[in-house]
Amino acid sequence: AIPDKNVQVFLACGPFLQSLCHGLLATGSLRRPEVHSALEPVMPMLAERLGDANARVDKIARDAHVDFAQSASVGSPFAAAHVLRPPKKKVVPPRVYTCRLQLLAVLVDEAGIAPDQRE
Protein backbone atom coordinates (compact mmCIF):
# COMPACT_ATOMS: atom_id res chain seq x y z
CA ALA A 1 0.00 0.00 0.00
CA ILE A 2 2.94 2.37 0.45
CA PRO A 3 3.63 3.02 -3.26
CA ASP A 4 0.13 4.41 -3.65
CA LYS A 5 0.12 8.09 -4.66
CA ASN A 6 -2.92 8.74 -2.47
CA VAL A 7 -1.80 10.53 0.69
CA GLN A 8 -4.53 8.95 2.81
CA VAL A 9 -3.33 5.46 1.92
CA PHE A 10 0.22 6.33 2.94
CA LEU A 11 -0.96 7.94 6.17
CA ALA A 12 -2.97 4.82 7.00
CA CYS A 13 0.22 2.74 6.66
CA GLY A 14 2.02 4.85 9.28
CA PRO A 15 0.58 3.11 12.36
CA PHE A 16 1.25 -0.27 10.76
CA LEU A 17 4.92 0.58 10.22
CA GLN A 18 5.22 1.87 13.77
CA SER A 19 3.67 -1.25 15.28
CA LEU A 20 5.90 -3.40 13.07
CA CYS A 21 9.01 -1.64 14.35
CA HIS A 22 8.00 -1.51 18.01
CA GLY A 23 6.45 -4.96 18.10
CA LEU A 24 7.83 -7.61 15.81
CA LEU A 25 11.20 -6.11 14.92
CA ALA A 26 12.03 -4.75 18.39
CA THR A 27 12.54 -8.21 19.86
CA GLY A 28 15.46 -9.00 17.56
CA SER A 29 14.18 -12.55 17.15
CA LEU A 30 14.22 -12.32 13.34
CA ARG A 31 17.46 -12.65 11.42
CA ARG A 32 18.76 -9.52 9.74
CA PRO A 33 19.12 -10.96 6.22
CA GLU A 34 15.49 -12.07 6.24
CA VAL A 35 14.26 -8.72 7.51
CA HIS A 36 16.43 -6.81 5.05
CA SER A 37 15.11 -8.80 2.10
CA ALA A 38 11.53 -8.25 3.27
CA LEU A 39 12.06 -4.49 3.70
CA GLU A 40 14.05 -4.01 0.49
CA PRO A 41 10.98 -3.10 -1.60
CA VAL A 42 9.57 -0.79 1.09
CA MET A 43 12.61 1.32 1.99
CA PRO A 44 13.12 3.08 -1.38
CA MET A 45 9.46 4.12 -1.36
CA LEU A 46 9.82 5.47 2.17
CA ALA A 47 12.94 7.38 1.15
CA GLU A 48 11.07 8.93 -1.77
CA ARG A 49 8.48 10.30 0.67
CA LEU A 50 11.11 12.16 2.72
CA GLY A 51 10.65 15.89 2.20
CA ASP A 52 7.11 15.46 0.89
CA ALA A 53 5.05 18.64 0.63
CA ASN A 54 2.54 17.10 3.06
CA ALA A 55 4.10 17.48 6.51
CA ARG A 56 2.32 14.41 7.92
CA VAL A 57 3.66 12.21 5.13
CA ASP A 58 7.17 13.57 5.66
CA LYS A 59 6.94 12.93 9.42
CA ILE A 60 5.74 9.35 8.97
CA ALA A 61 8.55 8.62 6.50
CA ARG A 62 11.14 10.16 8.81
CA ASP A 63 9.81 8.40 11.91
CA ALA A 64 9.74 5.06 10.07
CA HIS A 65 13.39 5.45 9.08
CA VAL A 66 14.37 6.27 12.66
CA ASP A 67 12.31 3.37 14.02
CA PHE A 68 13.87 0.94 11.54
CA ALA A 69 17.34 2.24 12.39
CA GLN A 70 16.74 1.69 16.11
CA SER A 71 15.40 -1.81 15.53
CA ALA A 72 17.74 -4.67 16.41
CA SER A 73 16.59 -6.59 13.34
CA VAL A 74 17.20 -3.77 10.84
CA GLY A 75 19.90 -1.36 12.02
CA SER A 76 20.96 2.11 11.03
CA PRO A 77 23.29 1.15 8.15
CA PHE A 78 20.40 -0.44 6.27
CA ALA A 79 18.06 2.49 6.93
CA ALA A 80 20.70 5.07 5.98
CA ALA A 81 21.68 3.26 2.78
CA HIS A 82 18.34 4.05 1.20
CA VAL A 83 18.45 7.68 2.26
CA LEU A 84 21.90 8.08 0.70
CA ARG A 85 20.70 6.95 -2.72
CA PRO A 86 19.79 9.80 -5.08
CA PRO A 87 16.09 10.55 -5.60
CA LYS A 88 14.46 8.96 -8.65
CA LYS A 89 13.24 12.29 -9.99
CA LYS A 90 15.77 14.42 -11.86
CA VAL A 91 14.61 17.69 -10.31
CA VAL A 92 13.48 17.70 -6.67
CA PRO A 93 12.73 20.56 -4.28
CA PRO A 94 15.54 21.55 -1.89
CA ARG A 95 13.41 20.41 1.08
CA VAL A 96 13.97 16.79 -0.05
CA TYR A 97 17.73 17.12 0.37
CA THR A 98 17.31 19.08 3.59
CA CYS A 99 15.07 16.40 5.06
CA ARG A 100 17.47 13.64 4.03
CA LEU A 101 20.43 15.45 5.58
CA GLN A 102 18.51 16.06 8.81
CA LEU A 103 17.57 12.39 8.98
CA LEU A 104 21.18 11.33 8.41
CA ALA A 105 22.28 13.68 11.19
CA VAL A 106 19.78 12.04 13.55
CA LEU A 107 20.98 8.56 12.58
CA VAL A 108 24.62 9.54 13.11
CA ASP A 109 23.78 11.06 16.50
CA GLU A 110 22.02 7.88 17.60
CA ALA A 111 24.21 5.18 16.07
CA GLY A 112 27.51 6.90 15.31
CA ILE A 113 29.46 6.98 12.08
CA ALA A 114 30.41 3.30 12.13
CA PRO A 115 27.99 1.38 14.37
CA ASP A 116 29.41 -1.56 16.30
CA GLN A 117 26.60 -3.83 15.09
CA ARG A 118 27.49 -6.22 12.31
CA GLU A 119 25.49 -6.15 9.09
C-alpha atoms as a PDB file:
ATOM      1  CA  ALA A   1       0.000   0.000   0.000  1.00  0.00           C
ATOM      2  CA  ILE A   2       2.935   2.367   0.449  1.00  0.00           C
ATOM      3  CA  PRO A   3       3.629   3.025  -3.265  1.00  0.00           C
ATOM      4  CA  ASP A   4       0.129   4.409  -3.653  1.00  0.00           C
ATOM      5  CA  LYS A   5       0.116   8.090  -4.661  1.00  0.00           C
ATOM      6  CA  ASN A   6      -2.917   8.738  -2.466  1.00  0.00           C
ATOM      7  CA  VAL A   7      -1.802  10.533   0.693  1.00  0.00           C
ATOM      8  CA  GLN A   8      -4.528   8.947   2.807  1.00  0.00           C
ATOM      9  CA  VAL A   9      -3.331   5.456   1.918  1.00  0.00           C
ATOM     10  CA  PHE A  10       0.219   6.330   2.938  1.00  0.00           C
ATOM     11  CA  LEU A  11      -0.963   7.944   6.166  1.00  0.00           C
ATOM     12  CA  ALA A  12      -2.966   4.821   6.998  1.00  0.00           C
ATOM     13  CA  CYS A  13       0.217   2.736   6.662  1.00  0.00           C
ATOM     14  CA  GLY A  14       2.025   4.847   9.284  1.00  0.00           C
ATOM     15  CA  PRO A  15       0.576   3.112  12.364  1.00  0.00           C
ATOM     16  CA  PHE A  16       1.247  -0.270  10.761  1.00  0.00           C
ATOM     17  CA  LEU A  17       4.919   0.580  10.216  1.00  0.00           C
ATOM     18  CA  GLN A  18       5.217   1.871  13.770  1.00  0.00           C
ATOM     19  CA  SER A  19       3.673  -1.252  15.281  1.00  0.00           C
ATOM     20  CA  LEU A  20       5.896  -3.401  13.066  1.00  0.00           C
ATOM     21  CA  CYS A  21       9.008  -1.637  14.355  1.00  0.00           C
ATOM     22  CA  HIS A  22       8.003  -1.512  18.008  1.00  0.00           C
ATOM     23  CA  GLY A  23       6.452  -4.960  18.101  1.00  0.00           C
ATOM     24  CA  LEU A  24       7.825  -7.606  15.808  1.00  0.00           C
ATOM     25  CA  LEU A  25      11.201  -6.105  14.920  1.00  0.00           C
ATOM     26  CA  ALA A  26      12.032  -4.753  18.393  1.00  0.00           C
ATOM     27  CA  THR A  27      12.538  -8.210  19.857  1.00  0.00           C
ATOM     28  CA  GLY A  28      15.456  -9.003  17.556  1.00  0.00           C
ATOM     29  CA  SER A  29      14.182 -12.548  17.147  1.00  0.00           C
ATOM     30  CA  LEU A  30      14.216 -12.317  13.343  1.00  0.00           C
ATOM     31  CA  ARG A  31      17.456 -12.654  11.416  1.00  0.00           C
ATOM     32  CA  ARG A  32      18.759  -9.517   9.739  1.00  0.00           C
ATOM     33  CA  PRO A  33      19.122 -10.962   6.223  1.00  0.00           C
ATOM     34  CA  GLU A  34      15.494 -12.075   6.245  1.00  0.00           C
ATOM     35  CA  VAL A  35      14.256  -8.720   7.512  1.00  0.00           C
ATOM     36  CA  HIS A  36      16.426  -6.807   5.045  1.00  0.00           C
ATOM     37  CA  SER A  37      15.114  -8.803   2.098  1.00  0.00           C
ATOM     38  CA  ALA A  38      11.532  -8.253   3.270  1.00  0.00           C
ATOM     39  CA  LEU A  39      12.059  -4.492   3.700  1.00  0.00           C
ATOM     40  CA  GLU A  40      14.050  -4.007   0.487  1.00  0.00           C
ATOM     41  CA  PRO A  41      10.975  -3.105  -1.603  1.00  0.00           C
ATOM     42  CA  VAL A  42       9.573  -0.792   1.092  1.00  0.00           C
ATOM     43  CA  MET A  43      12.613   1.323   1.994  1.00  0.00           C
ATOM     44  CA  PRO A  44      13.117   3.076  -1.383  1.00  0.00           C
ATOM     45  CA  MET A  45       9.462   4.117  -1.361  1.00  0.00           C
ATOM     46  CA  LEU A  46       9.817   5.475   2.172  1.00  0.00           C
ATOM     47  CA  ALA A  47      12.940   7.380   1.155  1.00  0.00           C
ATOM     48  CA  GLU A  48      11.070   8.925  -1.769  1.00  0.00           C
ATOM     49  CA  ARG A  49       8.478  10.303   0.674  1.00  0.00           C
ATOM     50  CA  LEU A  50      11.108  12.159   2.720  1.00  0.00           C
ATOM     51  CA  GLY A  51      10.655  15.890   2.197  1.00  0.00           C
ATOM     52  CA  ASP A  52       7.115  15.455   0.888  1.00  0.00           C
ATOM     53  CA  ALA A  53       5.055  18.642   0.627  1.00  0.00           C
ATOM     54  CA  ASN A  54       2.537  17.097   3.057  1.00  0.00           C
ATOM     55  CA  ALA A  55       4.098  17.479   6.511  1.00  0.00           C
ATOM     56  CA  ARG A  56       2.324  14.411   7.919  1.00  0.00           C
ATOM     57  CA  VAL A  57       3.665  12.205   5.128  1.00  0.00           C
ATOM     58  CA  ASP A  58       7.172  13.569   5.664  1.00  0.00           C
ATOM     59  CA  LYS A  59       6.942  12.935   9.423  1.00  0.00           C
ATOM     60  CA  ILE A  60       5.743   9.347   8.969  1.00  0.00           C
ATOM     61  CA  ALA A  61       8.547   8.615   6.504  1.00  0.00           C
ATOM     62  CA  ARG A  62      11.142  10.164   8.807  1.00  0.00           C
ATOM     63  CA  ASP A  63       9.814   8.398  11.906  1.00  0.00           C
ATOM     64  CA  ALA A  64       9.735   5.065  10.071  1.00  0.00           C
ATOM     65  CA  HIS A  65      13.395   5.446   9.084  1.00  0.00           C
ATOM     66  CA  VAL A  66      14.373   6.272  12.665  1.00  0.00           C
ATOM     67  CA  ASP A  67      12.311   3.367  14.025  1.00  0.00           C
ATOM     68  CA  PHE A  68      13.871   0.938  11.543  1.00  0.00           C
ATOM     69  CA  ALA A  69      17.338   2.244  12.394  1.00  0.00           C
ATOM     70  CA  GLN A  70      16.736   1.686  16.114  1.00  0.00           C
ATOM     71  CA  SER A  71      15.397  -1.814  15.529  1.00  0.00           C
ATOM     72  CA  ALA A  72      17.738  -4.667  16.406  1.00  0.00           C
ATOM     73  CA  SER A  73      16.585  -6.586  13.342  1.00  0.00           C
ATOM     74  CA  VAL A  74      17.198  -3.773  10.838  1.00  0.00           C
ATOM     75  CA  GLY A  75      19.898  -1.362  12.016  1.00  0.00           C
ATOM     76  CA  SER A  76      20.956   2.112  11.035  1.00  0.00           C
ATOM     77  CA  PRO A  77      23.293   1.153   8.147  1.00  0.00           C
ATOM     78  CA  PHE A  78      20.398  -0.435   6.270  1.00  0.00           C
ATOM     79  CA  ALA A  79      18.056   2.495   6.932  1.00  0.00           C
ATOM     80  CA  ALA A  80      20.700   5.074   5.979  1.00  0.00           C
ATOM     81  CA  ALA A  81      21.677   3.263   2.784  1.00  0.00           C
ATOM     82  CA  HIS A  82      18.340   4.051   1.197  1.00  0.00           C
ATOM     83  CA  VAL A  83      18.451   7.685   2.265  1.00  0.00           C
ATOM     84  CA  LEU A  84      21.898   8.080   0.700  1.00  0.00           C
ATOM     85  CA  ARG A  85      20.700   6.951  -2.720  1.00  0.00           C
ATOM     86  CA  PRO A  86      19.789   9.800  -5.079  1.00  0.00           C
ATOM     87  CA  PRO A  87      16.094  10.555  -5.600  1.00  0.00           C
ATOM     88  CA  LYS A  88      14.463   8.962  -8.649  1.00  0.00           C
ATOM     89  CA  LYS A  89      13.237  12.286  -9.993  1.00  0.00           C
ATOM     90  CA  LYS A  90      15.765  14.420 -11.863  1.00  0.00           C
ATOM     91  CA  VAL A  91      14.612  17.694 -10.306  1.00  0.00           C
ATOM     92  CA  VAL A  92      13.483  17.701  -6.672  1.00  0.00           C
ATOM     93  CA  PRO A  93      12.728  20.556  -4.284  1.00  0.00           C
ATOM     94  CA  PRO A  94      15.539  21.553  -1.888  1.00  0.00           C
ATOM     95  CA  ARG A  95      13.414  20.411   1.078  1.00  0.00           C
ATOM     96  CA  VAL A  96      13.968  16.793  -0.047  1.00  0.00           C
ATOM     97  CA  TYR A  97      17.728  17.117   0.371  1.00  0.00           C
ATOM     98  CA  THR A  98      17.306  19.084   3.589  1.00  0.00           C
ATOM     99  CA  CYS A  99      15.072  16.400   5.061  1.00  0.00           C
ATOM    100  CA  ARG A 100      17.472  13.638   4.028  1.00  0.00           C
ATOM    101  CA  LEU A 101      20.435  15.454   5.583  1.00  0.00           C
ATOM    102  CA  GLN A 102      18.513  16.064   8.806  1.00  0.00           C
ATOM    103  CA  LEU A 103      17.569  12.393   8.985  1.00  0.00           C
ATOM    104  CA  LEU A 104      21.176  11.330   8.407  1.00  0.00           C
ATOM    105  CA  ALA A 105      22.280  13.681  11.193  1.00  0.00           C
ATOM    106  CA  VAL A 106      19.779  12.044  13.552  1.00  0.00           C
ATOM    107  CA  LEU A 107      20.977   8.565  12.581  1.00  0.00           C
ATOM    108  CA  VAL A 108      24.623   9.545  13.106  1.00  0.00           C
ATOM    109  CA  ASP A 109      23.782  11.059  16.504  1.00  0.00           C
ATOM    110  CA  GLU A 110      22.017   7.885  17.597  1.00  0.00           C
ATOM    111  CA  ALA A 111      24.215   5.180  16.069  1.00  0.00           C
ATOM    112  CA  GLY A 112      27.508   6.903  15.307  1.00  0.00           C
ATOM    113  CA  ILE A 113      29.463   6.981  12.079  1.00  0.00           C
ATOM    114  CA  ALA A 114      30.411   3.301  12.134  1.00  0.00           C
ATOM    115  CA  PRO A 115      27.992   1.385  14.372  1.00  0.00           C
ATOM    116  CA  ASP A 116      29.408  -1.560  16.300  1.00  0.00           C
ATOM    117  CA  GLN A 117      26.597  -3.827  15.095  1.00  0.00           C
ATOM    118  CA  ARG A 118      27.486  -6.217  12.309  1.00  0.00           C
ATOM    119  CA  GLU A 119      25.492  -6.147   9.093  1.00  0.00           C
END
